[in-house]
Amino acid sequence: MTLASIFPHPIIQGPTAGGNNTPAQVAAVSNAGALGSLACSLLSPETMRAQTAQIRSLTSKPFCLNFFVLETPDPSAAEVEQAKEWLKPYWSSFGWNELPTPAKWCEDFTSQFETLLELRPAVASFTFGILSTQQIQRLHDAGIFVIGTITHAEEAQAWESRGADAVIASGVESGGHRGTFIGAQEDARLTTFELLPTAVAAVNIPVISAGGIMNGADIKRALDGGAQAVQMGTAFLVCDESSINPAYKRRLLTAGDQPTRLTRTFSGRYARGLENRFMREMASIERKLPLYPIQNALTSLIRAEASRRGETELMSLWCGTGVSRARPMPAAKLVETLLAEISAE
């Protein structure tokens, strides 16, 4: 099975976790001949089933379900209390007397994986970690095309050796979290067009390029560099079907020259977004913060309240370095626009 046999146009809509990408968006992209992706990393099995059913009610085309490969953590009470204390200036500013401990730190990946096998999408993609050979074989037995996310060539070779069908080469320009699982996250510094040729040379499976790709010229450059498709997250984040918070969307559309940068203050894992007050004030202790998903779960309560109030300085404004070139329009129109731009190059 090849990428082109699954979706005719070499464009994957990047999954954006946190409820920002919707079944309507996924279906619109797939109906346009690209590949829509649903971020399932933060979804329970029940929600996965419901949203997949919604997608299938809107399209008969292939789509992708995306996951974080995670183990459920078991932090000490002291670690949790210290993290809450570091966050006190923010939760107390809402008039709260305490920061509640989340009911769970993350969704159980084993349960998500079994639900994925039950749902049988055409494609599944994975980031943060790597699947076992046995897990990939089970996906293949269910007829699912498997894509791993990588930030350097050694990771691409690891996915290929275990039987993956393709890899997404995610450059440092990418918005949100990336998939480093070999070596330190802060050492994965290759740009999109530095990473692409090294990944293409390292493996015999298709390479999908991601990071800062915003228009047809960017796509053409990636395809000319050996990519068989591109993945675009930030470009689709501002589409009409996205459920992005309105205040967050305004910040993206008016970003201009405002810098993006990598931070682990929100989630405990490095991710790229628009710089804001929370990032700046927490920077001095970010290396001390609990790892993902503990920090992510603790700050999710703060971010949800900030989102409700429209306080973008306390929200995780995930986006890539190309955010100033993002164009708001329906998702299908964006696919059409990108294809026209590719042809014009």
C-alpha atoms as a PDB file:
ATOM      1  CA  MET A   1       0.000   0.000   0.000  1.00  0.00           C
ATOM      2  CA  THR A   2       1.343   3.453  -0.929  1.00  0.00           C
ATOM      3  CA  LEU A   3       0.451   6.896   0.342  1.00  0.00           C
ATOM      4  CA  ALA A   4      -1.018   7.832  -3.038  1.00  0.00           C
ATOM      5  CA  SER A   5      -3.290   4.787  -2.967  1.00  0.00           C
ATOM      6  CA  ILE A   6      -4.754   5.983   0.345  1.00  0.00           C
ATOM      7  CA  PHE A   7      -5.125   9.701  -0.403  1.00  0.00           C
ATOM      8  CA  PRO A   8      -4.460  11.197  -3.855  1.00  0.00           C
ATOM      9  CA  HIS A   9      -3.144  14.612  -2.807  1.00  0.00           C
ATOM     10  CA  PRO A  10       0.179  14.696  -0.884  1.00  0.00           C
ATOM     11  CA  ILE A  11      -1.189  16.658   2.074  1.00  0.00           C
ATOM     12  CA  ILE A  12      -1.949  15.458   5.604  1.00  0.00           C
ATOM     13  CA  GLN A  13      -3.834  17.727   7.978  1.00  0.00           C
ATOM     14  CA  GLY A  14      -1.800  17.586  11.160  1.00  0.00           C
ATOM     15  CA  PRO A  15      -3.595  16.429  14.307  1.00  0.00           C
ATOM     16  CA  THR A  16      -3.913  19.178  16.919  1.00  0.00           C
ATOM     17  CA  ALA A  17      -4.723  17.774  20.350  1.00  0.00           C
ATOM     18  CA  GLY A  18      -6.862  19.480  22.945  1.00  0.00           C
ATOM     19  CA  GLY A  19     -10.104  19.474  20.984  1.00  0.00           C
ATOM     20  CA  ASN A  20      -8.882  21.882  18.317  1.00  0.00           C
ATOM     21  CA  ASN A  21      -9.430  19.538  15.397  1.00  0.00           C
ATOM     22  CA  THR A  22     -12.938  18.239  14.870  1.00  0.00           C
ATOM     23  CA  PRO A  23     -14.654  15.397  13.003  1.00  0.00           C
ATOM     24  CA  ALA A  24     -16.026  18.005  10.570  1.00  0.00           C
ATOM     25  CA  GLN A  25     -12.500  19.238   9.809  1.00  0.00           C
ATOM     26  CA  VAL A  26     -11.100  15.732   9.384  1.00  0.00           C
ATOM     27  CA  ALA A  27     -13.927  14.758   7.031  1.00  0.00           C
ATOM     28  CA  ALA A  28     -13.633  17.972   5.008  1.00  0.00           C
ATOM     29  CA  VAL A  29      -9.922  17.407   4.405  1.00  0.00           C
ATOM     30  CA  SER A  30     -10.412  13.759   3.438  1.00  0.00           C
ATOM     31  CA  ASN A  31     -13.336  14.605   1.153  1.00  0.00           C
ATOM     32  CA  ALA A  32     -11.023  17.085  -0.605  1.00  0.00           C
ATOM     33  CA  GLY A  33      -8.586  14.261  -1.424  1.00  0.00           C
ATOM     34  CA  ALA A  34      -6.001  14.927   1.292  1.00  0.00           C
ATOM     35  CA  LEU A  35      -5.774  12.992   4.583  1.00  0.00           C
ATOM     36  CA  GLY A  36      -7.666  14.274   7.603  1.00  0.00           C
ATOM     37  CA  SER A  37      -6.250  13.371  11.031  1.00  0.00           C
ATOM     38  CA  LEU A  38      -8.047  13.215  14.377  1.00  0.00           C
ATOM     39  CA  ALA A  39      -5.912  13.805  17.476  1.00  0.00           C
ATOM     40  CA  CYS A  40      -6.895  10.987  19.858  1.00  0.00           C
ATOM     41  CA  SER A  41      -4.096  11.440  22.384  1.00  0.00           C
ATOM     42  CA  LEU A  42      -6.332  13.104  24.984  1.00  0.00           C
ATOM     43  CA  LEU A  43      -9.525  11.195  24.133  1.00  0.00           C
ATOM     44  CA  SER A  44     -11.103   8.354  26.081  1.00  0.00           C
ATOM     45  CA  PRO A  45     -12.048   5.194  24.164  1.00  0.00           C
ATOM     46  CA  GLU A  46     -15.701   6.240  24.345  1.00  0.00           C
ATOM     47  CA  THR A  47     -14.945   9.651  22.815  1.00  0.00           C
ATOM     48  CA  MET A  48     -12.732   8.022  20.180  1.00  0.00           C
ATOM     49  CA  ARG A  49     -15.643   5.821  19.147  1.00  0.00           C
ATOM     50  CA  ALA A  50     -18.094   8.726  19.062  1.00  0.00           C
ATOM     51  CA  GLN A  51     -15.844  11.054  17.055  1.00  0.00           C
ATOM     52  CA  THR A  52     -14.827   8.321  14.614  1.00  0.00           C
ATOM     53  CA  ALA A  53     -18.505   7.596  14.031  1.00  0.00           C
ATOM     54  CA  GLN A  54     -19.056  11.305  13.334  1.00  0.00           C
ATOM     55  CA  ILE A  55     -16.224  11.306  10.794  1.00  0.00           C
ATOM     56  CA  ARG A  56     -17.662   8.244   9.066  1.00  0.00           C
ATOM     57  CA  SER A  57     -21.074   9.895   8.897  1.00  0.00           C
ATOM     58  CA  LEU A  58     -19.442  12.762   6.949  1.00  0.00           C
ATOM     59  CA  THR A  59     -17.019  10.916   4.665  1.00  0.00           C
ATOM     60  CA  SER A  60     -16.362   7.519   3.157  1.00  0.00           C
ATOM     61  CA  LYS A  61     -12.748   8.522   2.452  1.00  0.00           C
ATOM     62  CA  PRO A  62      -9.696   7.317   4.420  1.00  0.00           C
ATOM     63  CA  PHE A  63      -8.661   9.242   7.532  1.00  0.00           C
ATOM     64  CA  CYS A  64      -6.018   8.970  10.252  1.00  0.00           C
ATOM     65  CA  LEU A  65      -6.221   8.576  14.031  1.00  0.00           C
ATOM     66  CA  ASN A  66      -3.207   9.953  15.922  1.00  0.00           C
ATOM     67  CA  PHE A  67      -1.857   8.938  19.336  1.00  0.00           C
ATOM     68  CA  PHE A  68       0.791   9.701  21.948  1.00  0.00           C
ATOM     69  CA  VAL A  69       2.734   6.535  22.887  1.00  0.00           C
ATOM     70  CA  LEU A  70       2.770   6.905  26.679  1.00  0.00           C
ATOM     71  CA  GLU A  71       3.084   5.008  29.929  1.00  0.00           C
ATOM     72  CA  THR A  72       0.814   6.145  32.758  1.00  0.00           C
ATOM     73  CA  PRO A  73       2.998   7.843  35.416  1.00  0.00           C
ATOM     74  CA  ASP A  74       2.890   7.409  39.179  1.00  0.00           C
ATOM     75  CA  PRO A  75       4.307  10.612  40.677  1.00  0.00           C
ATOM     76  CA  SER A  76       4.964  11.019  44.386  1.00  0.00           C
ATOM     77  CA  ALA A  77       2.693  13.254  46.446  1.00  0.00           C
ATOM     78  CA  ALA A  78       5.666  15.530  47.133  1.00  0.00           C
ATOM     79  CA  GLU A  79       6.357  15.995  43.406  1.00  0.00           C
ATOM     80  CA  VAL A  80       2.735  16.892  42.755  1.00  0.00           C
ATOM     81  CA  GLU A  81       2.549  19.337  45.662  1.00  0.00           C
ATOM     82  CA  GLN A  82       5.764  21.078  44.581  1.00  0.00           C
ATOM     83  CA  ALA A  83       4.403  21.469  41.051  1.00  0.00           C
ATOM     84  CA  LYS A  84       1.170  22.919  42.415  1.00  0.00           C
ATOM     85  CA  GLU A  85       3.155  25.396  44.514  1.00  0.00           C
ATOM     86  CA  TRP A  86       5.099  26.571  41.444  1.00  0.00           C
ATOM     87  CA  LEU A  87       1.760  27.116  39.691  1.00  0.00           C
ATOM     88  CA  LYS A  88       0.153  28.945  42.626  1.00  0.00           C
ATOM     89  CA  PRO A  89       0.511  32.492  41.203  1.00  0.00           C
ATOM     90  CA  TYR A  90      -1.702  31.432  38.297  1.00  0.00           C
ATOM     91  CA  TRP A  91      -4.411  29.321  39.933  1.00  0.00           C
ATOM     92  CA  SER A  92      -4.695  31.712  42.866  1.00  0.00           C
ATOM     93  CA  SER A  93      -5.219  34.605  40.434  1.00  0.00           C
ATOM     94  CA  PHE A  94      -8.553  32.965  39.565  1.00  0.00           C
ATOM     95  CA  GLY A  95      -9.611  33.148  43.214  1.00  0.00           C
ATOM     96  CA  TRP A  96      -9.080  29.431  43.746  1.00  0.00           C
ATOM     97  CA  ASN A  97      -8.068  28.163  47.193  1.00  0.00           C
ATOM     98  CA  GLU A  98      -6.251  25.169  45.726  1.00  0.00           C
ATOM     99  CA  LEU A  99      -5.330  23.472  42.472  1.00  0.00           C
ATOM    100  CA  PRO A 100      -7.236  20.167  42.379  1.00  0.00           C
ATOM    101  CA  THR A 101      -5.299  17.008  41.597  1.00  0.00           C
ATOM    102  CA  PRO A 102      -6.537  15.674  38.237  1.00  0.00           C
ATOM    103  CA  ALA A 103      -8.615  12.491  38.304  1.00  0.00           C
ATOM    104  CA  LYS A 104      -6.071  10.925  35.943  1.00  0.00           C
ATOM    105  CA  TRP A 105      -2.755  12.012  34.469  1.00  0.00           C
ATOM    106  CA  CYS A 106      -3.450  10.768  30.952  1.00  0.00           C
ATOM    107  CA  GLU A 107      -5.549   8.332  28.984  1.00  0.00           C
ATOM    108  CA  ASP A 108      -4.452   4.707  29.173  1.00  0.00           C
ATOM    109  CA  PHE A 109      -2.581   4.013  25.943  1.00  0.00           C
ATOM    110  CA  THR A 110      -3.248   0.276  26.083  1.00  0.00           C
ATOM    111  CA  SER A 111      -6.997   0.926  26.117  1.00  0.00           C
ATOM    112  CA  GLN A 112      -6.658   3.472  23.328  1.00  0.00           C
ATOM    113  CA  PHE A 113      -4.643   0.979  21.263  1.00  0.00           C
ATOM    114  CA  GLU A 114      -7.262  -1.752  21.619  1.00  0.00           C
ATOM    115  CA  THR A 115      -9.956   0.754  20.629  1.00  0.00           C
ATOM    116  CA  LEU A 116      -7.901   1.753  17.597  1.00  0.00           C
ATOM    117  CA  LEU A 117      -7.827  -1.878  16.473  1.00  0.00           C
ATOM    118  CA  GLU A 118     -11.591  -2.023  16.918  1.00  0.00           C
ATOM    119  CA  LEU A 119     -12.190   1.172  14.913  1.00  0.00           C
ATOM    120  CA  ARG A 120      -9.885   0.217  12.015  1.00  0.00           C
ATOM    121  CA  PRO A 121      -9.166   3.576  10.364  1.00  0.00           C
ATOM    122  CA  ALA A 122      -7.155   3.467   7.142  1.00  0.00           C
ATOM    123  CA  VAL A 123      -4.178   5.132   8.852  1.00  0.00           C
ATOM    124  CA  ALA A 124      -2.830   5.536  12.390  1.00  0.00           C
ATOM    125  CA  SER A 125       0.062   7.776  13.367  1.00  0.00           C
ATOM    126  CA  PHE A 126       2.077   7.865  16.577  1.00  0.00           C
ATOM    127  CA  THR A 127       4.351  10.298  18.376  1.00  0.00           C
ATOM    128  CA  PHE A 128       6.325  10.651  21.667  1.00  0.00           C
ATOM    129  CA  GLY A 129       7.417   6.993  21.552  1.00  0.00           C
ATOM    130  CA  ILE A 130       7.639   3.949  19.320  1.00  0.00           C
ATOM    131  CA  LEU A 131       5.463   0.866  19.002  1.00  0.00           C
ATOM    132  CA  SER A 132       6.737  -2.672  19.322  1.00  0.00           C
ATOM    133  CA  THR A 133       7.037  -4.957  16.305  1.00  0.00           C
ATOM    134  CA  GLN A 134       4.106  -6.938  17.686  1.00  0.00           C
ATOM    135  CA  GLN A 135       1.887  -3.865  18.011  1.00  0.00           C
ATOM    136  CA  ILE A 136       2.654  -2.817  14.430  1.00  0.00           C
ATOM    137  CA  GLN A 137       1.872  -6.328  13.202  1.00  0.00           C
ATOM    138  CA  ARG A 138      -1.488  -6.229  14.972  1.00  0.00           C
ATOM    139  CA  LEU A 139      -2.276  -2.939  13.230  1.00  0.00           C
ATOM    140  CA  HIS A 140      -1.282  -4.426   9.877  1.00  0.00           C
ATOM    141  CA  ASP A 141      -3.490  -7.445  10.565  1.00  0.00           C
ATOM    142  CA  ALA A 142      -6.353  -4.984  11.027  1.00  0.00           C
ATOM    143  CA  GLY A 143      -5.541  -3.343   7.682  1.00  0.00           C
ATOM    144  CA  ILE A 144      -4.154  -0.153   9.237  1.00  0.00           C
ATOM    145  CA  PHE A 145      -1.273   1.795   7.606  1.00  0.00           C
ATOM    146  CA  VAL A 146       1.228   2.748  10.346  1.00  0.00           C
ATOM    147  CA  ILE A 147       3.123   6.058  10.492  1.00  0.00           C
ATOM    148  CA  GLY A 148       5.702   6.985  13.147  1.00  0.00           C
ATOM    149  CA  THR A 149       6.928  10.485  13.969  1.00  0.00           C
ATOM    150  CA  ILE A 150      10.663  11.194  14.033  1.00  0.00           C
ATOM    151  CA  THR A 151      13.069  14.067  14.636  1.00  0.00           C
ATOM    152  CA  HIS A 152      16.295  12.459  13.385  1.00  0.00           C
ATOM    153  CA  ALA A 153      17.398   9.645  11.107  1.00  0.00           C
ATOM    154  CA  GLU A 154      18.094   7.095  13.851  1.00  0.00           C
ATOM    155  CA  GLU A 155      14.438   7.275  14.878  1.00  0.00           C
ATOM    156  CA  ALA A 156      13.354   6.786  11.265  1.00  0.00           C
ATOM    157  CA  GLN A 157      15.463   3.634  11.078  1.00  0.00           C
ATOM    158  CA  ALA A 158      13.965   2.385  14.352  1.00  0.00           C
ATOM    159  CA  TRP A 159      10.418   2.726  13.016  1.00  0.00           C
ATOM    160  CA  GLU A 160      11.357   1.071   9.733  1.00  0.00           C
ATOM    161  CA  SER A 161      13.061  -1.839  11.512  1.00  0.00           C
ATOM    162  CA  ARG A 162       9.872  -2.519  13.459  1.00  0.00           C
ATOM    163  CA  GLY A 163       7.691  -2.555  10.362  1.00  0.00           C
ATOM    164  CA  ALA A 164       6.201   0.947  10.082  1.00  0.00           C
ATOM    165  CA  ASP A 165       4.884   1.916   6.644  1.00  0.00           C
ATOM    166  CA  ALA A 166       6.072   5.552   6.693  1.00  0.00           C
ATOM    167  CA  VAL A 167       7.542   8.219   8.944  1.00  0.00           C
ATOM    168  CA  ILE A 168       6.770  11.876   9.529  1.00  0.00           C
ATOM    169  CA  ALA A 169      10.019  13.861   9.705  1.00  0.00           C
ATOM    170  CA  SER A 170       9.159  16.705  12.058  1.00  0.00           C
ATOM    171  CA  GLY A 171      11.503  19.685  11.882  1.00  0.00           C
ATOM    172  CA  VAL A 172      12.143  22.020  14.788  1.00  0.00           C
ATOM    173  CA  GLU A 173       9.790  24.597  13.214  1.00  0.00           C
ATOM    174  CA  SER A 174       6.798  22.369  13.996  1.00  0.00           C
ATOM    175  CA  GLY A 175       4.095  23.679  16.307  1.00  0.00           C
ATOM    176  CA  GLY A 176       3.101  21.876  19.484  1.00  0.00           C
ATOM    177  CA  HIS A 177       4.845  18.701  20.576  1.00  0.00           C
ATOM    178  CA  ARG A 178       7.236  16.637  18.466  1.00  0.00           C
ATOM    179  CA  GLY A 179       8.178  12.966  18.605  1.00  0.00           C
ATOM    180  CA  THR A 180      11.731  12.662  19.923  1.00  0.00           C
ATOM    181  CA  PHE A 181      12.167   9.259  21.573  1.00  0.00           C
ATOM    182  CA  ILE A 182      15.897   8.593  21.104  1.00  0.00           C
ATOM    183  CA  GLY A 183      18.164  11.091  22.871  1.00  0.00           C
ATOM    184  CA  ALA A 184      17.280  14.370  24.560  1.00  0.00           C
ATOM    185  CA  GLN A 185      14.430  16.457  23.193  1.00  0.00           C
ATOM    186  CA  GLU A 186      16.533  19.607  23.333  1.00  0.00           C
ATOM    187  CA  ASP A 187      19.134  17.982  21.073  1.00  0.00           C
ATOM    188  CA  ALA A 188      16.618  17.415  18.248  1.00  0.00           C
ATOM    189  CA  ARG A 189      17.372  20.711  16.501  1.00  0.00           C
ATOM    190  CA  LEU A 190      17.296  19.884  12.800  1.00  0.00           C
ATOM    191  CA  THR A 191      15.138  22.177  10.684  1.00  0.00           C
ATOM    192  CA  THR A 192      12.558  20.705   8.347  1.00  0.00           C
ATOM    193  CA  PHE A 193      14.801  20.899   5.294  1.00  0.00           C
ATOM    194  CA  GLU A 194      17.882  19.713   7.178  1.00  0.00           C
ATOM    195  CA  LEU A 195      16.007  16.700   8.535  1.00  0.00           C
ATOM    196  CA  LEU A 196      14.239  15.701   5.318  1.00  0.00           C
ATOM    197  CA  PRO A 197      17.276  14.611   3.250  1.00  0.00           C
ATOM    198  CA  THR A 198      18.806  12.711   6.168  1.00  0.00           C
ATOM    199  CA  ALA A 199      15.550  10.803   6.739  1.00  0.00           C
ATOM    200  CA  VAL A 200      15.071  10.066   3.038  1.00  0.00           C
ATOM    201  CA  ALA A 201      18.623   8.718   2.815  1.00  0.00           C
ATOM    202  CA  ALA A 202      18.250   6.621   5.968  1.00  0.00           C
ATOM    203  CA  VAL A 203      15.140   4.569   5.128  1.00  0.00           C
ATOM    204  CA  ASN A 204      13.350   2.887   2.252  1.00  0.00           C
ATOM    205  CA  ILE A 205       9.843   3.701   3.456  1.00  0.00           C
ATOM    206  CA  PRO A 206       8.017   6.941   2.536  1.00  0.00           C
ATOM    207  CA  VAL A 207       9.010  10.102   4.392  1.00  0.00           C
ATOM    208  CA  ILE A 208       6.397  12.781   5.135  1.00  0.00           C
ATOM    209  CA  SER A 209       7.806  16.243   5.797  1.00  0.00           C
ATOM    210  CA  ALA A 210       6.479  18.507   8.563  1.00  0.00           C
ATOM    211  CA  GLY A 211       7.395  21.803  10.188  1.00  0.00           C
ATOM    212  CA  GLY A 212       6.769  25.335   8.921  1.00  0.00           C
ATOM    213  CA  ILE A 213       5.025  24.151   5.743  1.00  0.00           C
ATOM    214  CA  MET A 214       2.313  26.680   4.981  1.00  0.00           C
ATOM    215  CA  ASN A 215       1.747  26.997   1.224  1.00  0.00           C
ATOM    216  CA  GLY A 216       2.186  25.305  -2.143  1.00  0.00           C
ATOM    217  CA  ALA A 217       5.751  26.517  -2.569  1.00  0.00           C
ATOM    218  CA  ASP A 218       6.725  24.888   0.730  1.00  0.00           C
ATOM    219  CA  ILE A 219       5.014  21.659  -0.316  1.00  0.00           C
ATOM    220  CA  LYS A 220       6.740  21.632  -3.702  1.00  0.00           C
ATOM    221  CA  ARG A 221      10.115  22.161  -2.035  1.00  0.00           C
ATOM    222  CA  ALA A 222       9.468  19.177   0.263  1.00  0.00           C
ATOM    223  CA  LEU A 223       8.314  16.943  -2.581  1.00  0.00           C
ATOM    224  CA  ASP A 224      11.328  17.953  -4.677  1.00  0.00           C
ATOM    225  CA  GLY A 225      13.487  17.066  -1.660  1.00  0.00           C
ATOM    226  CA  GLY A 226      12.235  13.507  -1.559  1.00  0.00           C
ATOM    227  CA  ALA A 227       9.152  13.708   0.634  1.00  0.00           C
ATOM    228  CA  GLN A 228       6.160  11.738  -0.592  1.00  0.00           C
ATOM    229  CA  ALA A 229       3.736  14.020   1.276  1.00  0.00           C
ATOM    230  CA  VAL A 230       3.673  16.810   3.856  1.00  0.00           C
ATOM    231  CA  GLN A 231       1.892  17.204   7.166  1.00  0.00           C
ATOM    232  CA  MET A 232       0.525  20.661   7.997  1.00  0.00           C
ATOM    233  CA  GLY A 233      -0.805  21.476  11.453  1.00  0.00           C
ATOM    234  CA  THR A 234      -0.694  25.246  11.920  1.00  0.00           C
ATOM    235  CA  ALA A 235      -2.080  25.898   8.431  1.00  0.00           C
ATOM    236  CA  PHE A 236      -5.245  23.929   9.272  1.00  0.00           C
ATOM    237  CA  LEU A 237      -5.500  25.155  12.862  1.00  0.00           C
ATOM    238  CA  VAL A 238      -7.176  28.402  11.763  1.00  0.00           C
ATOM    239  CA  CYS A 239      -9.611  26.772   9.317  1.00  0.00           C
ATOM    240  CA  ASP A 240     -13.337  27.347   9.772  1.00  0.00           C
ATOM    241  CA  GLU A 241     -13.998  23.804  11.020  1.00  0.00           C
ATOM    242  CA  SER A 242     -11.362  23.993  13.745  1.00  0.00           C
ATOM    243  CA  SER A 243     -12.818  24.367  17.247  1.00  0.00           C
ATOM    244  CA  ILE A 244      -9.899  26.508  18.380  1.00  0.00           C
ATOM    245  CA  ASN A 245     -10.746  29.032  21.094  1.00  0.00           C
ATOM    246  CA  PRO A 246     -11.631  32.382  19.437  1.00  0.00           C
ATOM    247  CA  ALA A 247      -9.065  34.325  21.492  1.00  0.00           C
ATOM    248  CA  TYR A 248      -6.375  31.786  20.585  1.00  0.00           C
ATOM    249  CA  LYS A 249      -7.338  32.029  16.917  1.00  0.00           C
ATOM    250  CA  ARG A 250      -7.097  35.833  17.018  1.00  0.00           C
ATOM    251  CA  ARG A 251      -3.594  35.578  18.471  1.00  0.00           C
ATOM    252  CA  LEU A 252      -2.532  33.269  15.644  1.00  0.00           C
ATOM    253  CA  LEU A 253      -4.051  35.429  12.927  1.00  0.00           C
ATOM    254  CA  THR A 254      -2.449  38.592  14.324  1.00  0.00           C
ATOM    255  CA  ALA A 255       0.873  36.982  15.272  1.00  0.00           C
ATOM    256  CA  GLY A 256       2.911  38.966  12.760  1.00  0.00           C
ATOM    257  CA  ASP A 257       6.538  38.928  13.905  1.00  0.00           C
ATOM    258  CA  GLN A 258       5.741  37.756  17.439  1.00  0.00           C
ATOM    259  CA  PRO A 259       8.169  34.940  18.231  1.00  0.00           C
ATOM    260  CA  THR A 260       7.344  31.308  18.780  1.00  0.00           C
ATOM    261  CA  ARG A 261       9.585  29.221  20.958  1.00  0.00           C
ATOM    262  CA  LEU A 262       9.987  25.827  22.538  1.00  0.00           C
ATOM    263  CA  THR A 263       8.872  25.467  26.140  1.00  0.00           C
ATOM    264  CA  ARG A 264       8.170  22.688  28.607  1.00  0.00           C
ATOM    265  CA  THR A 265       6.426  24.983  31.105  1.00  0.00           C
ATOM    266  CA  PHE A 266       2.903  23.994  30.051  1.00  0.00           C
ATOM    267  CA  SER A 267       3.248  20.266  29.547  1.00  0.00           C
ATOM    268  CA  GLY A 268       6.570  19.007  30.884  1.00  0.00           C
ATOM    269  CA  ARG A 269       7.664  18.196  27.340  1.00  0.00           C
ATOM    270  CA  TYR A 270       9.114  20.632  24.818  1.00  0.00           C
ATOM    271  CA  ALA A 271       6.494  22.106  22.495  1.00  0.00           C
ATOM    272  CA  ARG A 272       6.414  25.195  20.279  1.00  0.00           C
ATOM    273  CA  GLY A 273       3.934  28.033  20.603  1.00  0.00           C
ATOM    274  CA  LEU A 274       3.574  31.791  20.661  1.00  0.00           C
ATOM    275  CA  GLU A 275       5.576  33.262  23.513  1.00  0.00           C
ATOM    276  CA  ASN A 276       3.424  34.608  26.334  1.00  0.00           C
ATOM    277  CA  ARG A 277       3.612  35.617  29.998  1.00  0.00           C
ATOM    278  CA  PHE A 278       3.279  32.102  31.375  1.00  0.00           C
ATOM    279  CA  MET A 279       6.252  30.902  29.301  1.00  0.00           C
ATOM    280  CA  ARG A 280       8.401  33.862  30.321  1.00  0.00           C
ATOM    281  CA  GLU A 281       7.623  33.758  34.041  1.00  0.00           C
ATOM    282  CA  MET A 282       8.045  29.979  34.343  1.00  0.00           C
ATOM    283  CA  ALA A 283      11.212  29.800  32.219  1.00  0.00           C
ATOM    284  CA  SER A 284      13.594  29.906  35.174  1.00  0.00           C
ATOM    285  CA  ILE A 285      12.213  26.666  36.628  1.00  0.00           C
ATOM    286  CA  GLU A 286      11.087  24.828  33.503  1.00  0.00           C
ATOM    287  CA  ARG A 287      13.807  22.175  33.798  1.00  0.00           C
ATOM    288  CA  LYS A 288      12.598  21.361  37.323  1.00  0.00           C
ATOM    289  CA  LEU A 289       8.974  20.802  36.318  1.00  0.00           C
ATOM    290  CA  PRO A 290       7.413  17.314  36.229  1.00  0.00           C
ATOM    291  CA  LEU A 291       7.597  15.436  32.957  1.00  0.00           C
ATOM    292  CA  TYR A 292       4.681  15.012  30.582  1.00  0.00           C
ATOM    293  CA  PRO A 293       1.882  14.119  31.274  1.00  0.00           C
ATOM    294  CA  ILE A 294       1.997  15.247  34.929  1.00  0.00           C
ATOM    295  CA  GLN A 295       2.698  18.928  34.258  1.00  0.00           C
ATOM    296  CA  ASN A 296       0.289  18.852  31.320  1.00  0.00           C
ATOM    297  CA  ALA A 297      -2.544  17.544  33.483  1.00  0.00           C
ATOM    298  CA  LEU A 298      -1.894  20.088  36.252  1.00  0.00           C
ATOM    299  CA  THR A 299      -1.749  23.094  33.917  1.00  0.00           C
ATOM    300  CA  SER A 300      -4.752  21.873  31.917  1.00  0.00           C
ATOM    301  CA  LEU A 301      -7.019  23.132  34.700  1.00  0.00           C
ATOM    302  CA  ILE A 302      -5.376  26.567  34.562  1.00  0.00           C
ATOM    303  CA  ARG A 303      -5.434  26.657  30.763  1.00  0.00           C
ATOM    304  CA  ALA A 304      -9.097  25.654  30.649  1.00  0.00           C
ATOM    305  CA  GLU A 305     -10.041  28.499  32.983  1.00  0.00           C
ATOM    306  CA  ALA A 306      -7.842  30.950  31.058  1.00  0.00           C
ATOM    307  CA  SER A 307      -9.513  29.792  27.855  1.00  0.00           C
ATOM    308  CA  ARG A 308     -12.950  30.349  29.382  1.00  0.00           C
ATOM    309  CA  ARG A 309     -11.918  33.902  30.313  1.00  0.00           C
ATOM    310  CA  GLY A 310     -10.060  34.582  27.051  1.00  0.00           C
ATOM    311  CA  GLU A 311      -6.778  35.184  28.924  1.00  0.00           C
ATOM    312  CA  THR A 312      -4.324  34.170  26.231  1.00  0.00           C
ATOM    313  CA  GLU A 313      -1.272  34.999  28.360  1.00  0.00           C
ATOM    314  CA  LEU A 314      -2.026  31.857  30.398  1.00  0.00           C
ATOM    315  CA  MET A 315      -3.008  29.610  27.469  1.00  0.00           C
ATOM    316  CA  SER A 316      -0.768  27.266  25.477  1.00  0.00           C
ATOM    317  CA  LEU A 317      -0.839  28.962  22.073  1.00  0.00           C
ATOM    318  CA  TRP A 318       0.670  26.059  20.135  1.00  0.00           C
ATOM    319  CA  CYS A 319       1.715  26.861  16.576  1.00  0.00           C
ATOM    320  CA  GLY A 320       4.678  26.539  14.240  1.00  0.00           C
ATOM    321  CA  THR A 321       7.138  29.148  13.070  1.00  0.00           C
ATOM    322  CA  GLY A 322       5.088  29.792   9.926  1.00  0.00           C
ATOM    323  CA  VAL A 323       2.054  31.035  11.856  1.00  0.00           C
ATOM    324  CA  SER A 324       2.157  34.531  10.318  1.00  0.00           C
ATOM    325  CA  ARG A 325       1.340  32.900   6.965  1.00  0.00           C
ATOM    326  CA  ALA A 326      -1.743  31.046   8.216  1.00  0.00           C
ATOM    327  CA  ARG A 327      -4.893  31.726   6.198  1.00  0.00           C
ATOM    328  CA  PRO A 328      -8.409  31.375   7.621  1.00  0.00           C
ATOM    329  CA  MET A 329     -10.793  29.579   5.246  1.00  0.00           C
ATOM    330  CA  PRO A 330     -12.751  26.336   5.038  1.00  0.00           C
ATOM    331  CA  ALA A 331     -10.512  23.262   5.182  1.00  0.00           C
ATOM    332  CA  ALA A 332     -11.545  22.029   1.725  1.00  0.00           C
ATOM    333  CA  LYS A 333     -10.804  25.466   0.285  1.00  0.00           C
ATOM    334  CA  LEU A 334      -7.343  25.380   1.830  1.00  0.00           C
ATOM    335  CA  VAL A 335      -6.622  22.006   0.205  1.00  0.00           C
ATOM    336  CA  GLU A 336      -7.837  23.396  -3.146  1.00  0.00           C
ATOM    337  CA  THR A 337      -5.692  26.517  -2.682  1.00  0.00           C
ATOM    338  CA  LEU A 338      -2.598  24.506  -1.819  1.00  0.00           C
ATOM    339  CA  LEU A 339      -3.014  22.248  -4.851  1.00  0.00           C
ATOM    340  CA  ALA A 340      -3.364  25.288  -7.119  1.00  0.00           C
ATOM    341  CA  GLU A 341      -0.199  26.771  -5.606  1.00  0.00           C
ATOM    342  CA  ILE A 342       1.728  23.520  -6.136  1.00  0.00           C
ATOM    343  CA  SER A 343       0.686  23.492  -9.792  1.00  0.00           C
ATOM    344  CA  ALA A 344       1.703  27.109 -10.213  1.00  0.00           C
ATOM    345  CA  GLU A 345       5.243  26.480  -8.979  1.00  0.00           C
END
